Amino acid sequence: MYGKRNDQIVRDFSQGYLSDAEVFEYGAAQERLFREMFLPRLDSHIVPGLREFLEQHRHVPMAVASNAEPENIHFVLQASGLAPFFRAVIDGHQVSRPKPAPDVFLKAAEALGIPPAECIVLEDSYTGVQAGLAAGMKVVGLLTTHPELPGATLSIPDFRAPQLRAFLSATMSNGK
């Protein structure tokens, strides 16, 4: 299920027995429950060092590119206070092909006005790493969900990792 859009997940579980309207409603009901249950735990799920990282790089154009449901993306960004750091928010419903296709990352780069080769993806899923690489971007794997993310240019445990600072410094000094 991880890294897929809700409509894909519900269709996989229902094996084609539900109408499009039923698929949508089952997915929407599950997401409403997620938001209700997750709100009290939201702060404990923020990756360590993220807020400081975003503050330190506030001058760098950043976007969210996610397969998550649009309402959940908005919920997390607003409830956590992270929304102001991102100039664009792209979800898997805004493109014809969600991750592992590169479309969400390419649309995010376009929204920021930055060539894909000059973008860095921070990703915690297998499909996200695949999508970032397919978009021609450098991919930093966040090992918050999986012990390894094959293909990632760099893998880090969280945003406090000194390797991340060194990687960004070297990448940005090369004009990228």
N, C-alpha and C. Protein backbone atom coordinates (compact mmCIF):
# COMPACT_ATOMS: atom_id res chain seq x y z
N MET A 1 0.82 -1.20 0.00
CA MET A 1 0.00 0.00 0.00
C MET A 1 0.86 1.26 0.00
N TYR A 2 1.99 1.18 0.68
CA TYR A 2 2.82 2.36 0.87
C TYR A 2 3.27 2.92 -0.47
N GLY A 3 3.08 4.22 -0.66
CA GLY A 3 3.52 4.88 -1.87
C GLY A 3 2.50 4.86 -2.99
N LYS A 4 1.31 4.30 -2.73
CA LYS A 4 0.27 4.25 -3.76
C LYS A 4 -0.82 5.26 -3.44
N ARG A 5 -1.56 5.66 -4.48
CA ARG A 5 -2.73 6.51 -4.27
C ARG A 5 -3.86 5.66 -3.69
N ASN A 6 -4.78 6.32 -2.99
CA ASN A 6 -5.91 5.61 -2.38
C ASN A 6 -6.74 4.83 -3.38
N ASP A 7 -7.01 5.41 -4.53
CA ASP A 7 -7.85 4.70 -5.50
C ASP A 7 -7.18 3.39 -5.92
N GLN A 8 -5.85 3.39 -6.04
CA GLN A 8 -5.14 2.16 -6.38
C GLN A 8 -5.25 1.14 -5.26
N ILE A 9 -5.10 1.59 -4.02
CA ILE A 9 -5.16 0.70 -2.86
C ILE A 9 -6.54 0.05 -2.74
N VAL A 10 -7.59 0.87 -2.82
CA VAL A 10 -8.96 0.35 -2.68
C VAL A 10 -9.26 -0.62 -3.83
N ARG A 11 -8.84 -0.28 -5.03
CA ARG A 11 -9.09 -1.18 -6.17
C ARG A 11 -8.34 -2.50 -5.98
N ASP A 12 -7.11 -2.44 -5.46
CA ASP A 12 -6.36 -3.68 -5.21
C ASP A 12 -7.10 -4.57 -4.22
N PHE A 13 -7.60 -3.98 -3.14
CA PHE A 13 -8.29 -4.76 -2.12
C PHE A 13 -9.66 -5.26 -2.59
N SER A 14 -10.35 -4.44 -3.38
CA SER A 14 -11.70 -4.82 -3.80
C SER A 14 -11.70 -5.72 -5.03
N GLN A 15 -10.55 -5.87 -5.65
CA GLN A 15 -10.39 -6.74 -6.83
C GLN A 15 -11.42 -6.44 -7.90
N GLY A 16 -11.74 -5.17 -8.08
CA GLY A 16 -12.63 -4.76 -9.17
C GLY A 16 -14.10 -4.85 -8.88
N TYR A 17 -14.51 -5.13 -7.63
CA TYR A 17 -15.92 -5.30 -7.32
C TYR A 17 -16.63 -4.00 -6.95
N LEU A 18 -15.90 -2.91 -6.87
CA LEU A 18 -16.51 -1.64 -6.48
C LEU A 18 -16.58 -0.68 -7.66
N SER A 19 -17.62 0.15 -7.65
CA SER A 19 -17.74 1.19 -8.67
C SER A 19 -16.74 2.31 -8.35
N ASP A 20 -16.52 3.21 -9.30
CA ASP A 20 -15.62 4.33 -9.06
C ASP A 20 -16.10 5.17 -7.87
N ALA A 21 -17.41 5.36 -7.75
CA ALA A 21 -17.96 6.14 -6.64
C ALA A 21 -17.69 5.44 -5.30
N GLU A 22 -17.83 4.14 -5.27
CA GLU A 22 -17.57 3.38 -4.04
C GLU A 22 -16.09 3.41 -3.69
N VAL A 23 -15.23 3.28 -4.70
CA VAL A 23 -13.79 3.37 -4.48
C VAL A 23 -13.45 4.70 -3.84
N PHE A 24 -14.01 5.78 -4.39
CA PHE A 24 -13.75 7.11 -3.85
C PHE A 24 -14.23 7.22 -2.41
N GLU A 25 -15.45 6.78 -2.13
CA GLU A 25 -16.01 6.92 -0.78
C GLU A 25 -15.25 6.08 0.24
N TYR A 26 -14.88 4.87 -0.10
CA TYR A 26 -14.08 4.05 0.84
C TYR A 26 -12.75 4.74 1.13
N GLY A 27 -12.11 5.24 0.10
CA GLY A 27 -10.84 5.94 0.29
C GLY A 27 -11.00 7.19 1.12
N ALA A 28 -12.04 7.97 0.84
CA ALA A 28 -12.28 9.21 1.59
C ALA A 28 -12.58 8.93 3.06
N ALA A 29 -13.35 7.88 3.33
CA ALA A 29 -13.67 7.52 4.72
C ALA A 29 -12.41 7.10 5.48
N GLN A 30 -11.58 6.33 4.84
CA GLN A 30 -10.33 5.90 5.47
C GLN A 30 -9.44 7.11 5.77
N GLU A 31 -9.38 8.06 4.86
CA GLU A 31 -8.53 9.24 5.06
C GLU A 31 -9.08 10.16 6.16
N ARG A 32 -10.40 10.26 6.27
CA ARG A 32 -10.98 11.06 7.37
C ARG A 32 -10.60 10.44 8.71
N LEU A 33 -10.68 9.13 8.79
CA LEU A 33 -10.29 8.42 10.02
C LEU A 33 -8.80 8.63 10.31
N PHE A 34 -7.97 8.55 9.27
CA PHE A 34 -6.53 8.79 9.44
C PHE A 34 -6.28 10.16 10.07
N ARG A 35 -6.89 11.19 9.52
CA ARG A 35 -6.65 12.56 10.03
C ARG A 35 -7.11 12.69 11.48
N GLU A 36 -8.24 12.12 11.80
CA GLU A 36 -8.76 12.17 13.16
C GLU A 36 -7.82 11.47 14.15
N MET A 37 -7.33 10.31 13.76
CA MET A 37 -6.47 9.53 14.65
C MET A 37 -5.04 10.08 14.70
N PHE A 38 -4.60 10.69 13.62
CA PHE A 38 -3.20 11.12 13.52
C PHE A 38 -2.92 12.46 14.18
N LEU A 39 -3.90 13.35 14.23
CA LEU A 39 -3.67 14.70 14.74
C LEU A 39 -2.97 14.73 16.10
N PRO A 40 -3.39 13.95 17.10
CA PRO A 40 -2.70 14.02 18.39
C PRO A 40 -1.25 13.51 18.34
N ARG A 41 -0.91 12.76 17.30
CA ARG A 41 0.44 12.18 17.18
C ARG A 41 1.31 12.86 16.14
N LEU A 42 0.78 13.88 15.50
CA LEU A 42 1.47 14.50 14.36
C LEU A 42 2.89 14.93 14.69
N ASP A 43 3.07 15.69 15.76
CA ASP A 43 4.41 16.20 16.08
C ASP A 43 5.42 15.09 16.30
N SER A 44 5.00 13.98 16.86
CA SER A 44 5.95 12.88 17.11
C SER A 44 6.35 12.16 15.82
N HIS A 45 5.65 12.44 14.71
CA HIS A 45 5.98 11.80 13.44
C HIS A 45 6.78 12.71 12.51
N ILE A 46 7.04 13.93 12.94
CA ILE A 46 7.87 14.82 12.13
C ILE A 46 9.30 14.30 12.21
N VAL A 47 9.94 14.11 11.08
CA VAL A 47 11.30 13.57 11.04
C VAL A 47 12.23 14.50 11.80
N PRO A 48 13.04 13.96 12.71
CA PRO A 48 13.95 14.80 13.49
C PRO A 48 14.83 15.70 12.60
N GLY A 49 14.88 16.97 12.99
CA GLY A 49 15.70 17.94 12.27
C GLY A 49 15.00 18.62 11.11
N LEU A 50 13.77 18.19 10.77
CA LEU A 50 13.09 18.76 9.60
C LEU A 50 12.84 20.25 9.74
N ARG A 51 12.28 20.68 10.85
CA ARG A 51 11.97 22.11 11.01
C ARG A 51 13.23 22.97 10.87
N GLU A 52 14.30 22.54 11.52
CA GLU A 52 15.56 23.29 11.45
C GLU A 52 16.11 23.30 10.02
N PHE A 53 16.01 22.17 9.35
CA PHE A 53 16.45 22.06 7.96
C PHE A 53 15.67 23.05 7.08
N LEU A 54 14.36 23.05 7.23
CA LEU A 54 13.54 23.95 6.42
C LEU A 54 13.85 25.42 6.73
N GLU A 55 14.04 25.74 7.99
CA GLU A 55 14.41 27.12 8.36
C GLU A 55 15.73 27.52 7.72
N GLN A 56 16.71 26.64 7.82
CA GLN A 56 18.04 26.93 7.30
C GLN A 56 18.04 27.09 5.79
N HIS A 57 17.15 26.39 5.10
CA HIS A 57 17.11 26.44 3.64
C HIS A 57 15.87 27.16 3.10
N ARG A 58 15.32 28.02 3.91
CA ARG A 58 14.08 28.71 3.53
C ARG A 58 14.22 29.49 2.23
N HIS A 59 15.42 29.92 1.87
CA HIS A 59 15.66 30.68 0.64
C HIS A 59 15.65 29.78 -0.61
N VAL A 60 15.74 28.48 -0.44
CA VAL A 60 15.77 27.54 -1.56
C VAL A 60 14.34 27.19 -1.94
N PRO A 61 14.00 27.29 -3.23
CA PRO A 61 12.64 26.90 -3.63
C PRO A 61 12.39 25.43 -3.34
N MET A 62 11.32 25.15 -2.60
CA MET A 62 10.98 23.77 -2.23
C MET A 62 9.52 23.48 -2.55
N ALA A 63 9.28 22.20 -2.86
CA ALA A 63 7.93 21.74 -3.15
C ALA A 63 7.70 20.40 -2.45
N VAL A 64 6.44 20.09 -2.23
CA VAL A 64 6.03 18.76 -1.79
C VAL A 64 5.50 18.06 -3.04
N ALA A 65 5.98 16.85 -3.28
CA ALA A 65 5.50 16.02 -4.39
C ALA A 65 5.18 14.66 -3.81
N SER A 66 3.90 14.35 -3.67
CA SER A 66 3.49 13.17 -2.91
C SER A 66 2.35 12.44 -3.59
N ASN A 67 2.30 11.13 -3.37
CA ASN A 67 1.15 10.33 -3.80
C ASN A 67 0.01 10.39 -2.77
N ALA A 68 0.26 11.01 -1.63
CA ALA A 68 -0.76 11.08 -0.58
C ALA A 68 -1.99 11.83 -1.09
N GLU A 69 -3.10 11.58 -0.42
CA GLU A 69 -4.33 12.27 -0.77
C GLU A 69 -4.17 13.77 -0.53
N PRO A 70 -4.69 14.62 -1.42
CA PRO A 70 -4.54 16.07 -1.27
C PRO A 70 -4.97 16.59 0.10
N GLU A 71 -6.07 16.07 0.64
CA GLU A 71 -6.55 16.53 1.94
C GLU A 71 -5.55 16.19 3.05
N ASN A 72 -4.89 15.06 2.93
CA ASN A 72 -3.89 14.67 3.93
C ASN A 72 -2.64 15.52 3.84
N ILE A 73 -2.22 15.82 2.63
CA ILE A 73 -1.05 16.69 2.46
C ILE A 73 -1.34 18.04 3.10
N HIS A 74 -2.48 18.62 2.77
CA HIS A 74 -2.87 19.91 3.33
C HIS A 74 -2.96 19.83 4.85
N PHE A 75 -3.60 18.79 5.35
CA PHE A 75 -3.75 18.59 6.79
C PHE A 75 -2.39 18.58 7.49
N VAL A 76 -1.46 17.75 7.00
CA VAL A 76 -0.15 17.63 7.64
C VAL A 76 0.61 18.96 7.57
N LEU A 77 0.62 19.58 6.41
CA LEU A 77 1.37 20.84 6.26
C LEU A 77 0.79 21.94 7.15
N GLN A 78 -0.53 22.04 7.22
CA GLN A 78 -1.15 23.08 8.04
C GLN A 78 -1.02 22.79 9.53
N ALA A 79 -1.35 21.58 9.93
CA ALA A 79 -1.35 21.23 11.35
C ALA A 79 0.06 21.26 11.94
N SER A 80 1.07 21.00 11.12
CA SER A 80 2.45 21.00 11.61
C SER A 80 3.10 22.37 11.51
N GLY A 81 2.46 23.28 10.79
CA GLY A 81 3.04 24.61 10.59
C GLY A 81 4.13 24.64 9.53
N LEU A 82 4.21 23.60 8.70
CA LEU A 82 5.26 23.53 7.69
C LEU A 82 4.87 24.11 6.33
N ALA A 83 3.61 24.41 6.13
CA ALA A 83 3.13 24.89 4.83
C ALA A 83 3.91 26.09 4.28
N PRO A 84 4.27 27.09 5.09
CA PRO A 84 4.94 28.26 4.52
C PRO A 84 6.30 27.98 3.87
N PHE A 85 6.89 26.84 4.14
CA PHE A 85 8.20 26.54 3.57
C PHE A 85 8.13 26.08 2.11
N PHE A 86 6.95 25.71 1.64
CA PHE A 86 6.84 25.10 0.32
C PHE A 86 6.11 26.02 -0.65
N ARG A 87 6.76 26.24 -1.79
CA ARG A 87 6.20 27.12 -2.82
C ARG A 87 5.19 26.41 -3.70
N ALA A 88 5.24 25.09 -3.71
CA ALA A 88 4.31 24.30 -4.53
C ALA A 88 4.00 23.00 -3.81
N VAL A 89 2.79 22.52 -4.02
CA VAL A 89 2.37 21.22 -3.49
C VAL A 89 1.72 20.46 -4.64
N ILE A 90 2.34 19.35 -4.99
CA ILE A 90 1.86 18.53 -6.10
C ILE A 90 1.48 17.16 -5.54
N ASP A 91 0.30 16.70 -5.88
CA ASP A 91 -0.12 15.37 -5.43
C ASP A 91 -0.34 14.46 -6.64
N GLY A 92 -0.44 13.18 -6.37
CA GLY A 92 -0.57 12.19 -7.42
C GLY A 92 -1.83 12.30 -8.26
N HIS A 93 -2.81 13.08 -7.79
CA HIS A 93 -4.03 13.27 -8.57
C HIS A 93 -3.88 14.39 -9.59
N GLN A 94 -2.80 15.15 -9.50
CA GLN A 94 -2.58 16.26 -10.44
C GLN A 94 -1.82 15.80 -11.68
N VAL A 95 -1.45 14.54 -11.71
CA VAL A 95 -0.72 13.99 -12.85
C VAL A 95 -1.41 12.70 -13.30
N SER A 96 -1.12 12.29 -14.51
CA SER A 96 -1.79 11.08 -14.99
C SER A 96 -1.17 9.81 -14.42
N ARG A 97 0.11 9.88 -14.08
CA ARG A 97 0.78 8.68 -13.55
C ARG A 97 1.45 9.04 -12.22
N PRO A 98 1.01 8.44 -11.11
CA PRO A 98 1.66 8.69 -9.82
C PRO A 98 2.99 7.94 -9.72
N LYS A 99 3.71 8.14 -8.63
CA LYS A 99 4.95 7.40 -8.40
C LYS A 99 4.65 5.90 -8.50
N PRO A 100 5.50 5.14 -9.09
CA PRO A 100 6.92 5.36 -9.38
C PRO A 100 7.21 6.10 -10.67
N ALA A 101 6.18 6.53 -11.42
CA ALA A 101 6.43 7.38 -12.58
C ALA A 101 6.99 8.72 -12.08
N PRO A 102 7.76 9.41 -12.88
CA PRO A 102 8.39 10.66 -12.44
C PRO A 102 7.49 11.88 -12.47
N ASP A 103 6.24 11.73 -12.89
CA ASP A 103 5.38 12.87 -13.19
C ASP A 103 5.22 13.88 -12.05
N VAL A 104 5.04 13.42 -10.80
CA VAL A 104 4.84 14.38 -9.70
C VAL A 104 6.09 15.21 -9.48
N PHE A 105 7.26 14.61 -9.62
CA PHE A 105 8.50 15.36 -9.43
C PHE A 105 8.75 16.31 -10.59
N LEU A 106 8.44 15.88 -11.79
CA LEU A 106 8.60 16.76 -12.95
C LEU A 106 7.66 17.96 -12.87
N LYS A 107 6.44 17.71 -12.42
CA LYS A 107 5.48 18.82 -12.27
C LYS A 107 5.92 19.76 -11.15
N ALA A 108 6.50 19.23 -10.09
CA ALA A 108 7.00 20.08 -9.00
C ALA A 108 8.16 20.95 -9.49
N ALA A 109 9.09 20.36 -10.25
CA ALA A 109 10.21 21.13 -10.80
C ALA A 109 9.69 22.23 -11.70
N GLU A 110 8.70 21.90 -12.52
CA GLU A 110 8.11 22.90 -13.42
C GLU A 110 7.46 24.03 -12.61
N ALA A 111 6.73 23.67 -11.55
CA ALA A 111 6.07 24.69 -10.72
C ALA A 111 7.09 25.61 -10.05
N LEU A 112 8.27 25.07 -9.73
CA LEU A 112 9.32 25.88 -9.11
C LEU A 112 10.16 26.62 -10.15
N GLY A 113 10.03 26.23 -11.40
CA GLY A 113 10.83 26.84 -12.46
C GLY A 113 12.29 26.41 -12.42
N ILE A 114 12.52 25.17 -12.01
CA ILE A 114 13.88 24.65 -11.89
C ILE A 114 14.03 23.41 -12.78
N PRO A 115 15.11 23.33 -13.57
CA PRO A 115 15.32 22.13 -14.38
C PRO A 115 15.44 20.89 -13.49
N PRO A 116 14.84 19.78 -13.90
CA PRO A 116 14.89 18.57 -13.08
C PRO A 116 16.31 18.16 -12.65
N ALA A 117 17.28 18.31 -13.52
CA ALA A 117 18.65 17.92 -13.19
C ALA A 117 19.24 18.74 -12.06
N GLU A 118 18.62 19.87 -11.74
CA GLU A 118 19.09 20.72 -10.66
C GLU A 118 18.28 20.53 -9.37
N CYS A 119 17.40 19.56 -9.37
CA CYS A 119 16.55 19.31 -8.20
C CYS A 119 17.09 18.16 -7.36
N ILE A 120 16.82 18.25 -6.07
CA ILE A 120 17.16 17.19 -5.13
C ILE A 120 15.86 16.71 -4.50
N VAL A 121 15.64 15.42 -4.57
CA VAL A 121 14.46 14.80 -3.98
C VAL A 121 14.84 14.23 -2.63
N LEU A 122 14.04 14.48 -1.62
CA LEU A 122 14.19 13.85 -0.30
C LEU A 122 13.03 12.88 -0.17
N GLU A 123 13.34 11.59 -0.10
CA GLU A 123 12.31 10.57 -0.28
C GLU A 123 12.50 9.42 0.70
N ASP A 124 11.35 8.85 1.15
CA ASP A 124 11.41 7.75 2.12
C ASP A 124 10.78 6.46 1.60
N SER A 125 10.44 6.41 0.33
CA SER A 125 9.80 5.20 -0.20
C SER A 125 10.54 4.67 -1.42
N TYR A 126 10.38 3.39 -1.67
CA TYR A 126 10.99 2.77 -2.86
C TYR A 126 10.46 3.42 -4.13
N THR A 127 9.13 3.59 -4.19
CA THR A 127 8.54 4.18 -5.40
C THR A 127 8.98 5.62 -5.59
N GLY A 128 9.17 6.34 -4.49
CA GLY A 128 9.64 7.72 -4.58
C GLY A 128 11.06 7.83 -5.09
N VAL A 129 11.93 6.93 -4.63
CA VAL A 129 13.31 6.91 -5.14
C VAL A 129 13.29 6.60 -6.63
N GLN A 130 12.51 5.61 -7.03
CA GLN A 130 12.41 5.27 -8.46
C GLN A 130 11.93 6.48 -9.27
N ALA A 131 10.92 7.17 -8.75
CA ALA A 131 10.36 8.32 -9.46
C ALA A 131 11.37 9.45 -9.57
N GLY A 132 12.08 9.73 -8.48
CA GLY A 132 13.08 10.80 -8.51
C GLY A 132 14.19 10.51 -9.50
N LEU A 133 14.67 9.27 -9.50
CA LEU A 133 15.72 8.90 -10.44
C LEU A 133 15.21 8.97 -11.88
N ALA A 134 13.97 8.51 -12.10
CA ALA A 134 13.39 8.55 -13.44
C ALA A 134 13.21 9.99 -13.92
N ALA A 135 13.05 10.92 -12.98
CA ALA A 135 12.92 12.34 -13.33
C ALA A 135 14.27 12.99 -13.62
N GLY A 136 15.35 12.24 -13.39
CA GLY A 136 16.69 12.78 -13.63
C GLY A 136 17.18 13.65 -12.49
N MET A 137 16.66 13.42 -11.29
CA MET A 137 17.02 14.22 -10.12
C MET A 137 17.94 13.42 -9.20
N LYS A 138 18.68 14.14 -8.36
CA LYS A 138 19.45 13.47 -7.30
C LYS A 138 18.46 13.11 -6.20
N VAL A 139 18.66 11.94 -5.59
CA VAL A 139 17.72 11.48 -4.58
C VAL A 139 18.45 11.21 -3.27
N VAL A 140 17.97 11.87 -2.22
CA VAL A 140 18.44 11.61 -0.87
C VAL A 140 17.40 10.71 -0.22
N GLY A 141 17.82 9.52 0.18
CA GLY A 141 16.92 8.58 0.81
C GLY A 141 16.85 8.80 2.30
N LEU A 142 15.64 9.01 2.81
CA LEU A 142 15.41 9.13 4.26
C LEU A 142 15.06 7.75 4.79
N LEU A 143 15.92 7.22 5.62
CA LEU A 143 15.76 5.85 6.12
C LEU A 143 14.83 5.81 7.34
N THR A 144 13.69 6.46 7.21
CA THR A 144 12.71 6.52 8.29
C THR A 144 11.70 5.39 8.21
N THR A 145 11.57 4.77 7.05
CA THR A 145 10.60 3.71 6.83
C THR A 145 11.28 2.39 6.45
N HIS A 146 12.32 2.49 5.66
CA HIS A 146 13.04 1.31 5.17
C HIS A 146 14.50 1.39 5.60
N PRO A 147 15.14 0.24 5.86
CA PRO A 147 16.54 0.26 6.29
C PRO A 147 17.51 0.64 5.17
N GLU A 148 17.06 0.54 3.94
CA GLU A 148 17.86 1.00 2.80
C GLU A 148 16.93 1.37 1.67
N LEU A 149 17.42 2.28 0.83
CA LEU A 149 16.66 2.72 -0.34
C LEU A 149 17.58 2.63 -1.55
N PRO A 150 17.57 1.48 -2.22
CA PRO A 150 18.47 1.27 -3.36
C PRO A 150 18.30 2.35 -4.43
N GLY A 151 19.44 2.81 -4.91
CA GLY A 151 19.45 3.82 -5.96
C GLY A 151 19.62 5.24 -5.46
N ALA A 152 19.35 5.47 -4.18
CA ALA A 152 19.48 6.83 -3.64
C ALA A 152 20.93 7.30 -3.75
N THR A 153 21.12 8.55 -4.10
CA THR A 153 22.45 9.14 -4.19
C THR A 153 23.11 9.17 -2.82
N LEU A 154 22.32 9.44 -1.81
CA LEU A 154 22.77 9.51 -0.43
C LEU A 154 21.64 8.96 0.44
N SER A 155 21.96 8.24 1.49
CA SER A 155 20.95 7.76 2.44
C SER A 155 21.28 8.29 3.82
N ILE A 156 20.26 8.80 4.51
CA ILE A 156 20.45 9.41 5.83
C ILE A 156 19.35 8.96 6.78
N PRO A 157 19.64 8.94 8.08
CA PRO A 157 18.60 8.54 9.04
C PRO A 157 17.56 9.62 9.28
N ASP A 158 17.98 10.89 9.21
CA ASP A 158 17.06 12.02 9.43
C ASP A 158 17.75 13.30 8.97
N PHE A 159 17.10 14.44 9.19
CA PHE A 159 17.61 15.71 8.68
C PHE A 159 18.76 16.29 9.50
N ARG A 160 19.14 15.64 10.58
CA ARG A 160 20.28 16.09 11.39
C ARG A 160 21.59 15.50 10.89
N ALA A 161 21.55 14.62 9.93
CA ALA A 161 22.74 13.91 9.45
C ALA A 161 23.77 14.88 8.87
N PRO A 162 25.00 14.84 9.37
CA PRO A 162 26.05 15.72 8.84
C PRO A 162 26.32 15.47 7.35
N GLN A 163 26.12 14.22 6.90
CA GLN A 163 26.33 13.91 5.48
C GLN A 163 25.40 14.72 4.58
N LEU A 164 24.20 15.04 5.08
CA LEU A 164 23.26 15.82 4.29
C LEU A 164 23.80 17.22 4.08
N ARG A 165 24.30 17.84 5.13
CA ARG A 165 24.87 19.19 5.00
C ARG A 165 26.02 19.19 4.00
N ALA A 166 26.91 18.19 4.12
CA ALA A 166 28.06 18.11 3.22
C ALA A 166 27.60 17.89 1.77
N PHE A 167 26.62 17.01 1.57
CA PHE A 167 26.09 16.74 0.25
C PHE A 167 25.48 17.98 -0.37
N LEU A 168 24.65 18.69 0.39
CA LEU A 168 24.00 19.89 -0.12
C LEU A 168 25.02 20.98 -0.41
N SER A 169 25.99 21.12 0.47
CA SER A 169 27.03 22.13 0.26
C SER A 169 27.79 21.85 -1.03
N ALA A 170 28.20 20.61 -1.23
CA ALA A 170 28.94 20.24 -2.44
C ALA A 170 28.06 20.39 -3.69
N THR A 171 26.79 19.98 -3.58
CA THR A 171 25.88 20.05 -4.73
C THR A 171 25.59 21.50 -5.09
N MET A 172 25.32 22.33 -4.10
CA MET A 172 24.98 23.72 -4.36
C MET A 172 26.21 24.51 -4.82
N SER A 173 27.40 24.14 -4.37
CA SER A 173 28.60 24.86 -4.81
C SER A 173 28.93 24.54 -6.26
N ASN A 174 28.37 23.44 -6.76
CA ASN A 174 28.55 23.09 -8.17
C ASN A 174 27.52 23.79 -9.06
N GLY A 175 26.76 24.71 -8.46
CA GLY A 175 25.77 25.45 -9.22
C GLY A 175 24.47 24.73 -9.39
N LYS A 176 24.26 23.68 -8.65
CA LYS A 176 23.02 22.90 -8.78
C LYS A 176 22.22 22.99 -7.51
